[in-house]
Amino acid sequence: MSGLVLNAFGNGLCISANMGSGLWTAGAVNMTKWFGWNTGLLLFIIGVINAITNQFLIKRFDSRRLIGEVLYVMFFSYFVNIFTNLLNSIGVPNLPVLVRVFLSCLGVVFFCVAISLYQRANIVMHPNDDTTNILRFMYLKGNSTAAQLIDFIPPIIIIIVAGIAIRNVYSVNVGTVFSFIFNGVLIAASDKWIWPQLKHNFNTENN
């Protein structure tokens, strides 16, 4: 639960600061501008698609994993909306640019720490982060940075297509570049420094 809240808060902080967010969140924001749908709803839809994709990546049907990930993303998208609205209401979007840049990067750090914690616990996590976990341990010999970079390909495509359609790009800025470069590094560092007693229990045969 703490990982979910920290992840949602980090993403909400990035959205509210409006100086760039994680690529998947940026993809959802640009789709919001394109289709006029709620960002939380789009994050939920994307999460469900991720959860279904993971079933193919693990090469078997895991009902517990699927249900857990859909429930996680349902609460995650709800909390992202709550935190974004709360942060907007206290004036975060009106802060000086440099402060908002710092807050966007801090939001990235927050959600990377959250990802590290629940990927190691491997109980239930955001389906998108489970995708990187699966790629990392089943396909990439434990390389978290490579797994993150591969996972970034779909949202980059979404941002490009939406940008062409609406002739503008939203939520892509310094924080996005920071996330693209440092996501994998921050997750690996969190594995080492944040609650180091919590070890990865991902088993390639049973997961």
C-alpha atoms as a PDB file:
ATOM      1  CA  MET A   1       0.000   0.000   0.000  1.00  0.00           C
ATOM      2  CA  SER A   2       2.821   2.428   0.859  1.00  0.00           C
ATOM      3  CA  GLY A   3       4.436   1.758  -2.531  1.00  0.00           C
ATOM      4  CA  LEU A   4       1.134   2.455  -4.309  1.00  0.00           C
ATOM      5  CA  VAL A   5       0.623   5.774  -2.495  1.00  0.00           C
ATOM      6  CA  LEU A   6       4.244   6.866  -3.019  1.00  0.00           C
ATOM      7  CA  ASN A   7       4.034   5.961  -6.713  1.00  0.00           C
ATOM      8  CA  ALA A   8       0.761   7.861  -7.163  1.00  0.00           C
ATOM      9  CA  PHE A   9       2.085  10.882  -5.255  1.00  0.00           C
ATOM     10  CA  GLY A  10       5.255  10.999  -7.361  1.00  0.00           C
ATOM     11  CA  ASN A  11       3.244  10.890 -10.575  1.00  0.00           C
ATOM     12  CA  GLY A  12       0.775  13.474  -9.269  1.00  0.00           C
ATOM     13  CA  LEU A  13       3.669  15.749  -8.347  1.00  0.00           C
ATOM     14  CA  CYS A  14       5.112  15.468 -11.868  1.00  0.00           C
ATOM     15  CA  ILE A  15       1.739  16.237 -13.472  1.00  0.00           C
ATOM     16  CA  SER A  16       1.016  19.192 -11.181  1.00  0.00           C
ATOM     17  CA  ALA A  17       4.493  20.710 -11.521  1.00  0.00           C
ATOM     18  CA  ASN A  18       4.056  20.455 -15.302  1.00  0.00           C
ATOM     19  CA  MET A  19       7.767  20.306 -16.018  1.00  0.00           C
ATOM     20  CA  GLY A  20       7.787  16.774 -17.386  1.00  0.00           C
ATOM     21  CA  SER A  21       6.706  13.420 -16.000  1.00  0.00           C
ATOM     22  CA  GLY A  22       7.463   9.741 -16.475  1.00  0.00           C
ATOM     23  CA  LEU A  23       6.946   8.652 -20.072  1.00  0.00           C
ATOM     24  CA  TRP A  24       3.868   6.497 -19.426  1.00  0.00           C
ATOM     25  CA  THR A  25       2.205   9.330 -17.507  1.00  0.00           C
ATOM     26  CA  ALA A  26       3.214  11.786 -20.235  1.00  0.00           C
ATOM     27  CA  GLY A  27       1.659   9.434 -22.771  1.00  0.00           C
ATOM     28  CA  ALA A  28      -1.608   9.428 -20.811  1.00  0.00           C
ATOM     29  CA  VAL A  29      -1.578  13.232 -20.481  1.00  0.00           C
ATOM     30  CA  ASN A  30      -1.126  13.648 -24.248  1.00  0.00           C
ATOM     31  CA  MET A  31      -3.914  11.168 -24.928  1.00  0.00           C
ATOM     32  CA  THR A  32      -6.076  13.206 -22.533  1.00  0.00           C
ATOM     33  CA  LYS A  33      -5.433  16.296 -24.651  1.00  0.00           C
ATOM     34  CA  TRP A  34      -6.162  14.292 -27.792  1.00  0.00           C
ATOM     35  CA  PHE A  35      -9.355  12.478 -26.759  1.00  0.00           C
ATOM     36  CA  GLY A  36     -10.554  14.721 -23.933  1.00  0.00           C
ATOM     37  CA  TRP A  37     -10.743  11.808 -21.490  1.00  0.00           C
ATOM     38  CA  ASN A  38      -9.785  11.901 -17.824  1.00  0.00           C
ATOM     39  CA  THR A  39      -6.068  11.219 -17.229  1.00  0.00           C
ATOM     40  CA  GLY A  40      -6.853   8.775 -14.423  1.00  0.00           C
ATOM     41  CA  LEU A  41      -9.180   6.811 -16.724  1.00  0.00           C
ATOM     42  CA  LEU A  42      -6.491   6.615 -19.407  1.00  0.00           C
ATOM     43  CA  LEU A  43      -3.911   5.472 -16.855  1.00  0.00           C
ATOM     44  CA  PHE A  44      -6.353   2.735 -15.843  1.00  0.00           C
ATOM     45  CA  ILE A  45      -6.958   1.626 -19.445  1.00  0.00           C
ATOM     46  CA  ILE A  46      -3.216   1.584 -20.181  1.00  0.00           C
ATOM     47  CA  GLY A  47      -2.634  -0.389 -16.975  1.00  0.00           C
ATOM     48  CA  VAL A  48      -5.195  -3.029 -17.918  1.00  0.00           C
ATOM     49  CA  ILE A  49      -3.570  -3.417 -21.337  1.00  0.00           C
ATOM     50  CA  ASN A  50      -0.195  -3.801 -19.570  1.00  0.00           C
ATOM     51  CA  ALA A  51      -1.651  -6.434 -17.243  1.00  0.00           C
ATOM     52  CA  ILE A  52      -2.933  -8.472 -20.189  1.00  0.00           C
ATOM     53  CA  THR A  53       0.401  -8.091 -22.005  1.00  0.00           C
ATOM     54  CA  ASN A  54       2.199  -9.495 -18.957  1.00  0.00           C
ATOM     55  CA  GLN A  55       0.203 -12.715 -19.258  1.00  0.00           C
ATOM     56  CA  PHE A  56       1.765 -13.246 -22.678  1.00  0.00           C
ATOM     57  CA  LEU A  57       5.246 -12.325 -21.457  1.00  0.00           C
ATOM     58  CA  ILE A  58       5.160 -14.937 -18.663  1.00  0.00           C
ATOM     59  CA  LYS A  59       3.835 -17.467 -21.210  1.00  0.00           C
ATOM     60  CA  ARG A  60       0.991 -18.716 -19.031  1.00  0.00           C
ATOM     61  CA  PHE A  61      -2.284 -17.520 -17.515  1.00  0.00           C
ATOM     62  CA  ASP A  62      -1.910 -16.287 -13.929  1.00  0.00           C
ATOM     63  CA  SER A  63      -5.321 -15.169 -12.670  1.00  0.00           C
ATOM     64  CA  ARG A  64      -3.979 -13.936  -9.313  1.00  0.00           C
ATOM     65  CA  ARG A  65      -1.402 -11.750 -11.030  1.00  0.00           C
ATOM     66  CA  LEU A  66      -3.930 -10.366 -13.510  1.00  0.00           C
ATOM     67  CA  ILE A  67      -6.588  -9.527 -10.895  1.00  0.00           C
ATOM     68  CA  GLY A  68      -4.013  -8.048  -8.514  1.00  0.00           C
ATOM     69  CA  GLU A  69      -2.558  -5.792 -11.194  1.00  0.00           C
ATOM     70  CA  VAL A  70      -5.960  -4.577 -12.393  1.00  0.00           C
ATOM     71  CA  LEU A  71      -6.938  -3.753  -8.792  1.00  0.00           C
ATOM     72  CA  TYR A  72      -3.602  -2.004  -8.248  1.00  0.00           C
ATOM     73  CA  VAL A  73      -3.959   0.201 -11.320  1.00  0.00           C
ATOM     74  CA  MET A  74      -7.560   1.017 -10.404  1.00  0.00           C
ATOM     75  CA  PHE A  75      -6.481   2.431  -7.029  1.00  0.00           C
ATOM     76  CA  PHE A  76      -3.328   3.957  -8.537  1.00  0.00           C
ATOM     77  CA  SER A  77      -5.213   5.976 -11.157  1.00  0.00           C
ATOM     78  CA  TYR A  78      -7.672   7.133  -8.474  1.00  0.00           C
ATOM     79  CA  PHE A  79      -4.888   8.334  -6.173  1.00  0.00           C
ATOM     80  CA  VAL A  80      -3.031  10.051  -9.025  1.00  0.00           C
ATOM     81  CA  ASN A  81      -6.140  12.152  -9.654  1.00  0.00           C
ATOM     82  CA  ILE A  82      -6.488  12.931  -5.934  1.00  0.00           C
ATOM     83  CA  PHE A  83      -2.852  13.991  -5.513  1.00  0.00           C
ATOM     84  CA  THR A  84      -2.825  16.009  -8.744  1.00  0.00           C
ATOM     85  CA  ASN A  85      -5.951  17.930  -7.734  1.00  0.00           C
ATOM     86  CA  LEU A  86      -4.613  18.455  -4.206  1.00  0.00           C
ATOM     87  CA  LEU A  87      -1.249  19.749  -5.421  1.00  0.00           C
ATOM     88  CA  ASN A  88      -2.960  21.981  -7.983  1.00  0.00           C
ATOM     89  CA  SER A  89      -5.182  23.418  -5.258  1.00  0.00           C
ATOM     90  CA  ILE A  90      -2.212  24.460  -3.110  1.00  0.00           C
ATOM     91  CA  GLY A  91      -0.612  26.284  -6.022  1.00  0.00           C
ATOM     92  CA  VAL A  92       2.145  23.976  -7.269  1.00  0.00           C
ATOM     93  CA  PRO A  93       1.505  24.897 -10.956  1.00  0.00           C
ATOM     94  CA  ASN A  94       2.090  28.574 -10.080  1.00  0.00           C
ATOM     95  CA  LEU A  95       5.487  28.095  -8.452  1.00  0.00           C
ATOM     96  CA  PRO A  96       8.668  29.418 -10.155  1.00  0.00           C
ATOM     97  CA  VAL A  97       9.978  27.328 -13.036  1.00  0.00           C
ATOM     98  CA  LEU A  98      13.123  26.153 -11.250  1.00  0.00           C
ATOM     99  CA  VAL A  99      11.093  25.009  -8.245  1.00  0.00           C
ATOM    100  CA  ARG A 100       8.739  23.083 -10.524  1.00  0.00           C
ATOM    101  CA  VAL A 101      11.688  21.486 -12.312  1.00  0.00           C
ATOM    102  CA  PHE A 102      13.000  20.321  -8.944  1.00  0.00           C
ATOM    103  CA  LEU A 103       9.553  19.003  -7.932  1.00  0.00           C
ATOM    104  CA  SER A 104       9.163  17.096 -11.210  1.00  0.00           C
ATOM    105  CA  CYS A 105      12.534  15.405 -10.725  1.00  0.00           C
ATOM    106  CA  LEU A 106      11.662  14.715  -7.087  1.00  0.00           C
ATOM    107  CA  GLY A 107       8.422  13.109  -8.244  1.00  0.00           C
ATOM    108  CA  VAL A 108      10.458  10.799 -10.496  1.00  0.00           C
ATOM    109  CA  VAL A 109      12.662   9.854  -7.530  1.00  0.00           C
ATOM    110  CA  PHE A 110       9.564   9.102  -5.425  1.00  0.00           C
ATOM    111  CA  PHE A 111       7.975   6.766  -7.958  1.00  0.00           C
ATOM    112  CA  CYS A 112      11.294   5.036  -8.681  1.00  0.00           C
ATOM    113  CA  VAL A 113      11.715   4.272  -4.969  1.00  0.00           C
ATOM    114  CA  ALA A 114       8.147   2.952  -4.912  1.00  0.00           C
ATOM    115  CA  ILE A 115       8.825   0.757  -7.945  1.00  0.00           C
ATOM    116  CA  SER A 116      11.948  -0.656  -6.316  1.00  0.00           C
ATOM    117  CA  LEU A 117      10.070  -1.515  -3.120  1.00  0.00           C
ATOM    118  CA  TYR A 118       7.144  -3.350  -4.647  1.00  0.00           C
ATOM    119  CA  GLN A 119       9.153  -5.019  -7.398  1.00  0.00           C
ATOM    120  CA  ARG A 120      11.326  -6.587  -4.682  1.00  0.00           C
ATOM    121  CA  ALA A 121       8.321  -7.540  -2.571  1.00  0.00           C
ATOM    122  CA  ASN A 122       6.730  -9.044  -5.713  1.00  0.00           C
ATOM    123  CA  ILE A 123       3.301  -9.326  -4.103  1.00  0.00           C
ATOM    124  CA  VAL A 124       1.261  -6.971  -6.267  1.00  0.00           C
ATOM    125  CA  MET A 125       2.478  -4.034  -8.344  1.00  0.00           C
ATOM    126  CA  HIS A 126       1.574  -1.714 -11.158  1.00  0.00           C
ATOM    127  CA  PRO A 127       1.342  -3.885 -14.293  1.00  0.00           C
ATOM    128  CA  ASN A 128       3.715  -1.598 -16.166  1.00  0.00           C
ATOM    129  CA  ASP A 129       6.361  -2.098 -13.498  1.00  0.00           C
ATOM    130  CA  ASP A 130       5.707  -5.831 -13.532  1.00  0.00           C
ATOM    131  CA  THR A 131       6.476  -5.675 -17.251  1.00  0.00           C
ATOM    132  CA  THR A 132       9.937  -4.289 -16.488  1.00  0.00           C
ATOM    133  CA  ASN A 133      10.363  -6.907 -13.755  1.00  0.00           C
ATOM    134  CA  ILE A 134       9.492  -9.697 -16.200  1.00  0.00           C
ATOM    135  CA  LEU A 135      11.760  -8.275 -18.890  1.00  0.00           C
ATOM    136  CA  ARG A 136      14.561  -7.786 -16.355  1.00  0.00           C
ATOM    137  CA  PHE A 137      14.602 -11.298 -14.935  1.00  0.00           C
ATOM    138  CA  MET A 138      13.147 -13.478 -17.693  1.00  0.00           C
ATOM    139  CA  TYR A 139      14.699 -11.841 -20.737  1.00  0.00           C
ATOM    140  CA  LEU A 140      17.530  -9.438 -19.783  1.00  0.00           C
ATOM    141  CA  LYS A 141      19.572 -11.263 -17.124  1.00  0.00           C
ATOM    142  CA  GLY A 142      18.677  -8.837 -14.330  1.00  0.00           C
ATOM    143  CA  ASN A 143      19.489  -5.598 -16.189  1.00  0.00           C
ATOM    144  CA  SER A 144      17.002  -3.038 -14.774  1.00  0.00           C
ATOM    145  CA  THR A 145      18.199  -0.175 -16.986  1.00  0.00           C
ATOM    146  CA  ALA A 146      17.715  -2.144 -20.222  1.00  0.00           C
ATOM    147  CA  ALA A 147      14.281  -3.308 -19.043  1.00  0.00           C
ATOM    148  CA  GLN A 148      13.227   0.287 -18.367  1.00  0.00           C
ATOM    149  CA  LEU A 149      14.472   1.492 -21.749  1.00  0.00           C
ATOM    150  CA  ILE A 150      12.548  -1.229 -23.605  1.00  0.00           C
ATOM    151  CA  ASP A 151       9.426  -0.452 -21.574  1.00  0.00           C
ATOM    152  CA  PHE A 152       9.690   3.193 -22.650  1.00  0.00           C
ATOM    153  CA  ILE A 153       9.194   2.399 -26.348  1.00  0.00           C
ATOM    154  CA  PRO A 154       5.328   2.222 -26.318  1.00  0.00           C
ATOM    155  CA  PRO A 155       4.768   5.553 -24.475  1.00  0.00           C
ATOM    156  CA  ILE A 156       7.269   7.292 -26.762  1.00  0.00           C
ATOM    157  CA  ILE A 157       5.227   6.069 -29.745  1.00  0.00           C
ATOM    158  CA  ILE A 158       2.005   7.248 -28.036  1.00  0.00           C
ATOM    159  CA  ILE A 159       3.486  10.706 -27.400  1.00  0.00           C
ATOM    160  CA  ILE A 160       4.690  11.039 -31.002  1.00  0.00           C
ATOM    161  CA  VAL A 161       1.354   9.939 -32.511  1.00  0.00           C
ATOM    162  CA  ALA A 162      -0.699  12.134 -30.153  1.00  0.00           C
ATOM    163  CA  GLY A 163       1.679  15.039 -30.769  1.00  0.00           C
ATOM    164  CA  ILE A 164       1.151  14.745 -34.508  1.00  0.00           C
ATOM    165  CA  ALA A 165      -2.619  14.556 -34.040  1.00  0.00           C
ATOM    166  CA  ILE A 166      -2.931  17.569 -31.690  1.00  0.00           C
ATOM    167  CA  ARG A 167       0.128  19.446 -33.033  1.00  0.00           C
ATOM    168  CA  ASN A 168       1.537  19.884 -29.556  1.00  0.00           C
ATOM    169  CA  VAL A 169       3.250  17.826 -26.871  1.00  0.00           C
ATOM    170  CA  TYR A 170       2.323  18.025 -23.194  1.00  0.00           C
ATOM    171  CA  SER A 171       3.998  16.884 -19.974  1.00  0.00           C
ATOM    172  CA  VAL A 172       7.319  16.321 -21.737  1.00  0.00           C
ATOM    173  CA  ASN A 173      10.055  18.498 -20.297  1.00  0.00           C
ATOM    174  CA  VAL A 174      13.075  18.341 -17.995  1.00  0.00           C
ATOM    175  CA  GLY A 175      11.388  15.801 -15.711  1.00  0.00           C
ATOM    176  CA  THR A 176      10.752  13.479 -18.654  1.00  0.00           C
ATOM    177  CA  VAL A 177      14.391  13.581 -19.720  1.00  0.00           C
ATOM    178  CA  PHE A 178      15.410  12.994 -16.107  1.00  0.00           C
ATOM    179  CA  SER A 179      13.060  10.007 -15.924  1.00  0.00           C
ATOM    180  CA  PHE A 180      14.255   8.576 -19.252  1.00  0.00           C
ATOM    181  CA  ILE A 181      17.914   8.763 -18.226  1.00  0.00           C
ATOM    182  CA  PHE A 182      17.691   7.869 -14.553  1.00  0.00           C
ATOM    183  CA  ASN A 183      14.661   5.589 -14.037  1.00  0.00           C
ATOM    184  CA  GLY A 184      16.655   2.373 -14.215  1.00  0.00           C
ATOM    185  CA  VAL A 185      19.571   3.873 -12.296  1.00  0.00           C
ATOM    186  CA  LEU A 186      17.300   5.155  -9.505  1.00  0.00           C
ATOM    187  CA  ILE A 187      15.508   1.815  -9.203  1.00  0.00           C
ATOM    188  CA  ALA A 188      18.825  -0.058  -9.001  1.00  0.00           C
ATOM    189  CA  ALA A 189      20.131   2.452  -6.427  1.00  0.00           C
ATOM    190  CA  SER A 190      16.940   2.083  -4.381  1.00  0.00           C
ATOM    191  CA  ASP A 191      17.367  -1.699  -4.483  1.00  0.00           C
ATOM    192  CA  LYS A 192      20.738  -1.164  -2.829  1.00  0.00           C
ATOM    193  CA  TRP A 193      20.087   1.722  -0.419  1.00  0.00           C
ATOM    194  CA  ILE A 194      16.353   1.799   0.435  1.00  0.00           C
ATOM    195  CA  TRP A 195      15.420  -1.095   2.731  1.00  0.00           C
ATOM    196  CA  PRO A 196      18.285  -3.280   1.443  1.00  0.00           C
ATOM    197  CA  GLN A 197      17.049  -6.228   3.532  1.00  0.00           C
ATOM    198  CA  LEU A 198      14.122  -6.549   1.107  1.00  0.00           C
ATOM    199  CA  LYS A 199      15.456  -8.793  -1.651  1.00  0.00           C
ATOM    200  CA  HIS A 200      14.047  -9.629  -5.064  1.00  0.00           C
ATOM    201  CA  ASN A 201      12.066 -12.857  -4.868  1.00  0.00           C
ATOM    202  CA  PHE A 202      11.236 -13.063  -8.560  1.00  0.00           C
ATOM    203  CA  ASN A 203      11.398 -16.679  -9.651  1.00  0.00           C
ATOM    204  CA  THR A 204      11.555 -17.270 -13.380  1.00  0.00           C
ATOM    205  CA  GLU A 205       9.862 -20.637 -13.025  1.00  0.00           C
ATOM    206  CA  ASN A 206       6.969 -19.604 -10.800  1.00  0.00           C
ATOM    207  CA  ASN A 207       6.330 -16.045 -11.974  1.00  0.00           C
END
